C-alpha atoms as a PDB file:
ATOM      1  CA  UNK A   1       0.000   0.000   0.000  1.00  0.00           C
ATOM      2  CA  UNK A   2       1.344   3.388  -0.928  1.00  0.00           C
ATOM      3  CA  UNK A   3       1.313   6.336   1.441  1.00  0.00           C
ATOM      4  CA  UNK A   4      -1.319   8.057  -0.720  1.00  0.00           C
ATOM      5  CA  UNK A   5      -3.669   5.096   0.046  1.00  0.00           C
ATOM      6  CA  UNK A   6      -3.300   3.798  -3.522  1.00  0.00           C
ATOM      7  CA  UNK A   7      -2.422   0.183  -4.157  1.00  0.00           C
ATOM      8  CA  UNK A   8       0.486  -1.274  -6.100  1.00  0.00           C
ATOM      9  CA  UNK A   9       0.490  -4.932  -7.047  1.00  0.00           C
ATOM     10  CA  UNK A  10       3.794  -6.651  -7.666  1.00  0.00           C
ATOM     11  CA  UNK A  11       5.690  -9.907  -7.470  1.00  0.00           C
ATOM     12  CA  UNK A  12       5.516 -11.783  -4.159  1.00  0.00           C
ATOM     13  CA  UNK A  13       8.477 -10.979  -1.977  1.00  0.00           C
ATOM     14  CA  UNK A  14       9.655 -11.716   1.514  1.00  0.00           C
ATOM     15  CA  UNK A  15       8.785  -9.092   4.110  1.00  0.00           C
ATOM     16  CA  UNK A  16      11.622  -6.881   5.355  1.00  0.00           C
ATOM     17  CA  UNK A  17      12.899  -7.822   8.844  1.00  0.00           C
ATOM     18  CA  UNK A  18      11.167  -4.857  10.498  1.00  0.00           C
ATOM     19  CA  UNK A  19       7.791  -6.128   9.250  1.00  0.00           C
ATOM     20  CA  UNK A  20       8.075  -9.807  10.150  1.00  0.00           C
ATOM     21  CA  UNK A  21       4.978 -11.303  11.661  1.00  0.00           C
ATOM     22  CA  UNK A  22       3.804 -14.886  11.102  1.00  0.00           C
ATOM     23  CA  UNK A  23       1.445 -15.117   8.151  1.00  0.00           C
ATOM     24  CA  UNK A  24       1.123 -17.359   5.115  1.00  0.00           C
ATOM     25  CA  UNK A  25       4.462 -18.867   4.181  1.00  0.00           C
ATOM     26  CA  UNK A  26       5.209 -20.461   0.807  1.00  0.00           C
ATOM     27  CA  UNK A  27       6.622 -23.908   0.302  1.00  0.00           C
ATOM     28  CA  UNK A  28      10.069 -23.798  -1.327  1.00  0.00           C
ATOM     29  CA  UNK A  29      10.359 -26.233  -4.199  1.00  0.00           C
ATOM     30  CA  UNK A  30      11.945 -29.637  -4.070  1.00  0.00           C
ATOM     31  CA  UNK A  31      14.248 -30.707  -6.842  1.00  0.00           C
ATOM     32  CA  UNK A  32      12.686 -32.595  -9.723  1.00  0.00           C
ATOM     33  CA  UNK A  33      14.181 -35.091 -12.136  1.00  0.00           C
ATOM     34  CA  UNK A  34      13.212 -37.724 -14.698  1.00  0.00           C
ATOM     35  CA  UNK A  35      11.082 -40.523 -13.225  1.00  0.00           C
ATOM     36  CA  UNK A  36      13.252 -43.533 -12.375  1.00  0.00           C
ATOM     37  CA  UNK A  37      16.548 -41.593 -12.434  1.00  0.00           C
ATOM     38  CA  UNK A  38      19.099 -42.737  -9.882  1.00  0.00           C
ATOM     39  CA  UNK A  39      20.336 -40.727  -6.901  1.00  0.00           C
ATOM     40  CA  UNK A  40      18.991 -38.520  -4.169  1.00  0.00           C
ATOM     41  CA  UNK A  41      19.146 -34.870  -3.188  1.00  0.00           C
ATOM     42  CA  UNK A  42      22.265 -34.774  -1.004  1.00  0.00           C
ATOM     43  CA  UNK A  43      25.200 -32.681  -2.245  1.00  0.00           C
ATOM     44  CA  UNK A  44      27.440 -35.703  -2.831  1.00  0.00           C
ATOM     45  CA  UNK A  45      24.803 -37.440  -4.956  1.00  0.00           C
ATOM     46  CA  UNK A  46      24.454 -34.364  -7.169  1.00  0.00           C
ATOM     47  CA  UNK A  47      28.219 -33.887  -7.594  1.00  0.00           C
ATOM     48  CA  UNK A  48      28.941 -33.569 -11.296  1.00  0.00           C
ATOM     49  CA  UNK A  49      25.240 -33.724 -12.193  1.00  0.00           C
ATOM     50  CA  UNK A  50      23.824 -30.983 -14.413  1.00  0.00           C
ATOM     51  CA  UNK A  51      21.113 -29.030 -12.580  1.00  0.00           C
ATOM     52  CA  UNK A  52      19.136 -26.262 -14.259  1.00  0.00           C
ATOM     53  CA  UNK A  53      17.826 -23.138 -12.553  1.00  0.00           C
ATOM     54  CA  UNK A  54      16.535 -19.758 -13.611  1.00  0.00           C
ATOM     55  CA  UNK A  55      19.307 -17.130 -13.635  1.00  0.00           C
ATOM     56  CA  UNK A  56      19.151 -14.378 -11.029  1.00  0.00           C
ATOM     57  CA  UNK A  57      16.736 -16.163  -8.695  1.00  0.00           C
ATOM     58  CA  UNK A  58      17.082 -17.414  -5.138  1.00  0.00           C
ATOM     59  CA  UNK A  59      17.228 -20.908  -6.648  1.00  0.00           C
ATOM     60  CA  UNK A  60      20.566 -20.012  -8.258  1.00  0.00           C
ATOM     61  CA  UNK A  61      21.884 -18.688  -4.930  1.00  0.00           C
ATOM     62  CA  UNK A  62      20.577 -21.767  -3.105  1.00  0.00           C
ATOM     63  CA  UNK A  63      22.242 -24.202  -5.515  1.00  0.00           C
ATOM     64  CA  UNK A  64      25.568 -22.337  -5.348  1.00  0.00           C
ATOM     65  CA  UNK A  65      25.500 -22.432  -1.536  1.00  0.00           C
ATOM     66  CA  UNK A  66      24.252 -25.987  -0.962  1.00  0.00           C
ATOM     67  CA  UNK A  67      25.319 -27.930  -4.056  1.00  0.00           C
ATOM     68  CA  UNK A  68      28.687 -26.425  -5.057  1.00  0.00           C
ATOM     69  CA  UNK A  69      29.861 -29.632  -6.731  1.00  0.00           C
ATOM     70  CA  UNK A  70      26.824 -29.849  -9.031  1.00  0.00           C
ATOM     71  CA  UNK A  71      27.234 -28.404 -12.515  1.00  0.00           C
ATOM     72  CA  UNK A  72      24.851 -25.466 -12.499  1.00  0.00           C
ATOM     73  CA  UNK A  73      23.255 -24.490 -15.807  1.00  0.00           C
ATOM     74  CA  UNK A  74      21.552 -21.086 -15.802  1.00  0.00           C
ATOM     75  CA  UNK A  75      18.560 -20.110 -17.944  1.00  0.00           C
ATOM     76  CA  UNK A  76      16.722 -16.835 -18.609  1.00  0.00           C
ATOM     77  CA  UNK A  77      13.385 -18.323 -17.510  1.00  0.00           C
ATOM     78  CA  UNK A  78      11.854 -21.488 -16.054  1.00  0.00           C
ATOM     79  CA  UNK A  79      10.375 -22.536 -19.406  1.00  0.00           C
ATOM     80  CA  UNK A  80      13.886 -22.938 -20.835  1.00  0.00           C
ATOM     81  CA  UNK A  81      14.919 -24.964 -17.772  1.00  0.00           C
ATOM     82  CA  UNK A  82      11.993 -27.328 -18.276  1.00  0.00           C
ATOM     83  CA  UNK A  83      12.591 -27.599 -22.021  1.00  0.00           C
ATOM     84  CA  UNK A  84      16.177 -28.753 -21.461  1.00  0.00           C
ATOM     85  CA  UNK A  85      15.021 -31.118 -18.713  1.00  0.00           C
ATOM     86  CA  UNK A  86      12.528 -32.749 -21.085  1.00  0.00           C
ATOM     87  CA  UNK A  87      15.171 -32.953 -23.824  1.00  0.00           C
ATOM     88  CA  UNK A  88      17.511 -34.813 -21.463  1.00  0.00           C
ATOM     89  CA  UNK A  89      20.127 -32.058 -21.247  1.00  0.00           C
ATOM     90  CA  UNK A  90      19.682 -31.787 -17.459  1.00  0.00           C
ATOM     91  CA  UNK A  91      19.829 -34.361 -14.689  1.00  0.00           C
ATOM     92  CA  UNK A  92      17.602 -32.261 -12.404  1.00  0.00           C
ATOM     93  CA  UNK A  93      16.096 -28.809 -11.995  1.00  0.00           C
ATOM     94  CA  UNK A  94      15.131 -26.571  -9.101  1.00  0.00           C
ATOM     95  CA  UNK A  95      12.196 -24.173  -9.023  1.00  0.00           C
ATOM     96  CA  UNK A  96       9.130 -23.190  -7.039  1.00  0.00           C
ATOM     97  CA  UNK A  97       7.035 -26.241  -6.128  1.00  0.00           C
ATOM     98  CA  UNK A  98       3.633 -24.880  -7.104  1.00  0.00           C
ATOM     99  CA  UNK A  99       4.850 -23.570 -10.460  1.00  0.00           C
ATOM    100  CA  UNK A 100       6.580 -26.877 -11.218  1.00  0.00           C
ATOM    101  CA  UNK A 101       3.597 -28.957 -10.139  1.00  0.00           C
ATOM    102  CA  UNK A 102       0.834 -27.125 -11.963  1.00  0.00           C
ATOM    103  CA  UNK A 103       2.836 -25.799 -14.898  1.00  0.00           C
ATOM    104  CA  UNK A 104       4.904 -28.899 -15.624  1.00  0.00           C
ATOM    105  CA  UNK A 105       4.351 -32.092 -13.622  1.00  0.00           C
ATOM    106  CA  UNK A 106       0.567 -31.977 -14.114  1.00  0.00           C
ATOM    107  CA  UNK A 107       0.946 -31.561 -17.890  1.00  0.00           C
ATOM    108  CA  UNK A 108       1.690 -34.176 -20.565  1.00  0.00           C
ATOM    109  CA  UNK A 109       5.275 -32.847 -20.843  1.00  0.00           C
ATOM    110  CA  UNK A 110       5.863 -33.564 -17.140  1.00  0.00           C
ATOM    111  CA  UNK A 111       4.534 -37.134 -17.087  1.00  0.00           C
ATOM    112  CA  UNK A 112       8.004 -38.666 -16.968  1.00  0.00           C
ATOM    113  CA  UNK A 113       9.263 -36.497 -14.112  1.00  0.00           C
ATOM    114  CA  UNK A 114       8.947 -36.487 -10.315  1.00  0.00           C
ATOM    115  CA  UNK A 115       9.858 -34.352  -7.324  1.00  0.00           C
ATOM    116  CA  UNK A 116      12.633 -35.865  -5.257  1.00  0.00           C
ATOM    117  CA  UNK A 117      14.064 -35.063  -1.876  1.00  0.00           C
ATOM    118  CA  UNK A 118      12.529 -32.761   0.711  1.00  0.00           C
ATOM    119  CA  UNK A 119      11.672 -29.116   0.027  1.00  0.00           C
ATOM    120  CA  UNK A 120      14.862 -27.114  -0.408  1.00  0.00           C
ATOM    121  CA  UNK A 121      14.716 -24.446   2.275  1.00  0.00           C
ATOM    122  CA  UNK A 122      17.289 -22.125   3.798  1.00  0.00           C
ATOM    123  CA  UNK A 123      15.860 -19.043   5.535  1.00  0.00           C
ATOM    124  CA  UNK A 124      19.228 -17.266   5.240  1.00  0.00           C
ATOM    125  CA  UNK A 125      18.816 -17.359   1.445  1.00  0.00           C
ATOM    126  CA  UNK A 126      15.078 -17.638   0.906  1.00  0.00           C
ATOM    127  CA  UNK A 127      13.873 -15.481   3.784  1.00  0.00           C
ATOM    128  CA  UNK A 128      10.985 -16.442   6.022  1.00  0.00           C
ATOM    129  CA  UNK A 129       8.416 -16.516   3.256  1.00  0.00           C
ATOM    130  CA  UNK A 130       5.673 -14.318   1.909  1.00  0.00           C
ATOM    131  CA  UNK A 131       3.508 -12.131   4.102  1.00  0.00           C
ATOM    132  CA  UNK A 132       0.096 -10.537   4.128  1.00  0.00           C
ATOM    133  CA  UNK A 133       0.386  -6.754   4.121  1.00  0.00           C
ATOM    134  CA  UNK A 134      -1.737  -5.106   6.802  1.00  0.00           C
ATOM    135  CA  UNK A 135      -1.948  -1.422   7.715  1.00  0.00           C
ATOM    136  CA  UNK A 136       0.623  -0.628  10.393  1.00  0.00           C
ATOM    137  CA  UNK A 137      -1.992   1.226  12.437  1.00  0.00           C
ATOM    138  CA  UNK A 138      -4.395  -1.753  12.477  1.00  0.00           C
ATOM    139  CA  UNK A 139      -2.922  -4.453  14.752  1.00  0.00           C
ATOM    140  CA  UNK A 140      -6.450  -5.744  15.402  1.00  0.00           C
ATOM    141  CA  UNK A 141      -6.799  -6.780  11.759  1.00  0.00           C
ATOM    142  CA  UNK A 142      -3.385  -8.454  11.861  1.00  0.00           C
ATOM    143  CA  UNK A 143      -4.355 -10.350  14.998  1.00  0.00           C
ATOM    144  CA  UNK A 144      -7.670 -11.447  13.438  1.00  0.00           C
ATOM    145  CA  UNK A 145      -5.857 -12.744  10.347  1.00  0.00           C
ATOM    146  CA  UNK A 146      -3.309 -14.607  12.478  1.00  0.00           C
ATOM    147  CA  UNK A 147      -6.048 -16.113  14.665  1.00  0.00           C
ATOM    148  CA  UNK A 148      -8.118 -17.132  11.651  1.00  0.00           C
ATOM    149  CA  UNK A 149      -5.172 -18.776   9.913  1.00  0.00           C
ATOM    150  CA  UNK A 150      -4.154 -20.566  13.118  1.00  0.00           C
ATOM    151  CA  UNK A 151      -7.731 -21.801  13.654  1.00  0.00           C
ATOM    152  CA  UNK A 152      -8.169 -23.286  10.173  1.00  0.00           C
ATOM    153  CA  UNK A 153      -4.717 -24.872  10.377  1.00  0.00           C
ATOM    154  CA  UNK A 154      -5.527 -26.419  13.773  1.00  0.00           C
ATOM    155  CA  UNK A 155      -8.963 -27.829  12.894  1.00  0.00           C
ATOM    156  CA  UNK A 156      -7.945 -29.282   9.520  1.00  0.00           C
ATOM    157  CA  UNK A 157     -10.001 -26.884   7.392  1.00  0.00           C
ATOM    158  CA  UNK A 158      -6.906 -25.477   5.694  1.00  0.00           C
ATOM    159  CA  UNK A 159      -5.593 -28.965   4.853  1.00  0.00           C
ATOM    160  CA  UNK A 160      -8.965 -29.996   3.385  1.00  0.00           C
ATOM    161  CA  UNK A 161      -9.178 -26.890   1.211  1.00  0.00           C
ATOM    162  CA  UNK A 162      -5.539 -27.120   0.094  1.00  0.00           C
ATOM    163  CA  UNK A 163      -5.890 -30.817  -0.795  1.00  0.00           C
ATOM    164  CA  UNK A 164      -8.589 -29.931  -3.332  1.00  0.00           C
ATOM    165  CA  UNK A 165      -6.148 -27.757  -5.279  1.00  0.00           C
ATOM    166  CA  UNK A 166      -2.560 -28.823  -4.536  1.00  0.00           C
ATOM    167  CA  UNK A 167      -0.628 -32.073  -4.295  1.00  0.00           C
ATOM    168  CA  UNK A 168       2.108 -30.423  -2.209  1.00  0.00           C
ATOM    169  CA  UNK A 169       1.869 -28.410   1.011  1.00  0.00           C
ATOM    170  CA  UNK A 170       2.166 -24.793  -0.090  1.00  0.00           C
ATOM    171  CA  UNK A 171       1.983 -23.403   3.453  1.00  0.00           C
ATOM    172  CA  UNK A 172       5.593 -24.167   4.385  1.00  0.00           C
ATOM    173  CA  UNK A 173       7.131 -24.257   7.799  1.00  0.00           C
END
């Protein structure tokens, strides 16, 4: 929200440290690879393997920090990553779970591929997740949102709703 009470809409981003308050957190993506391919997600198993990521994203930073012995191949966008994965030029790829699931794995092109390993998450690189923006002078609204989210998480309502739309847990930690 702008100071003039207008509204700007932009790409999801992590909240700055001075605005951290528990809210909805995204699920970082697991690695994905061809179905039946050997190996796991530990750094030693990916040593020398070619892993594709989108250039200039936190996925590039994450791979450089956690998988330094993997051969990192950078692409201008996720579509190019997935194209090379389907053509067999990559051993694995890293991206956002929801985008990979709905935009690739759930399509005919993604039929021969699977997620593997746990979600790749490092708060030092990825931050604490996305946040819901609430007016600074309205802590009551923030508290209502937090209480509502906590209630539907505790009674299973959130899980039931999410299961209708997603195969992976998009809430995160």
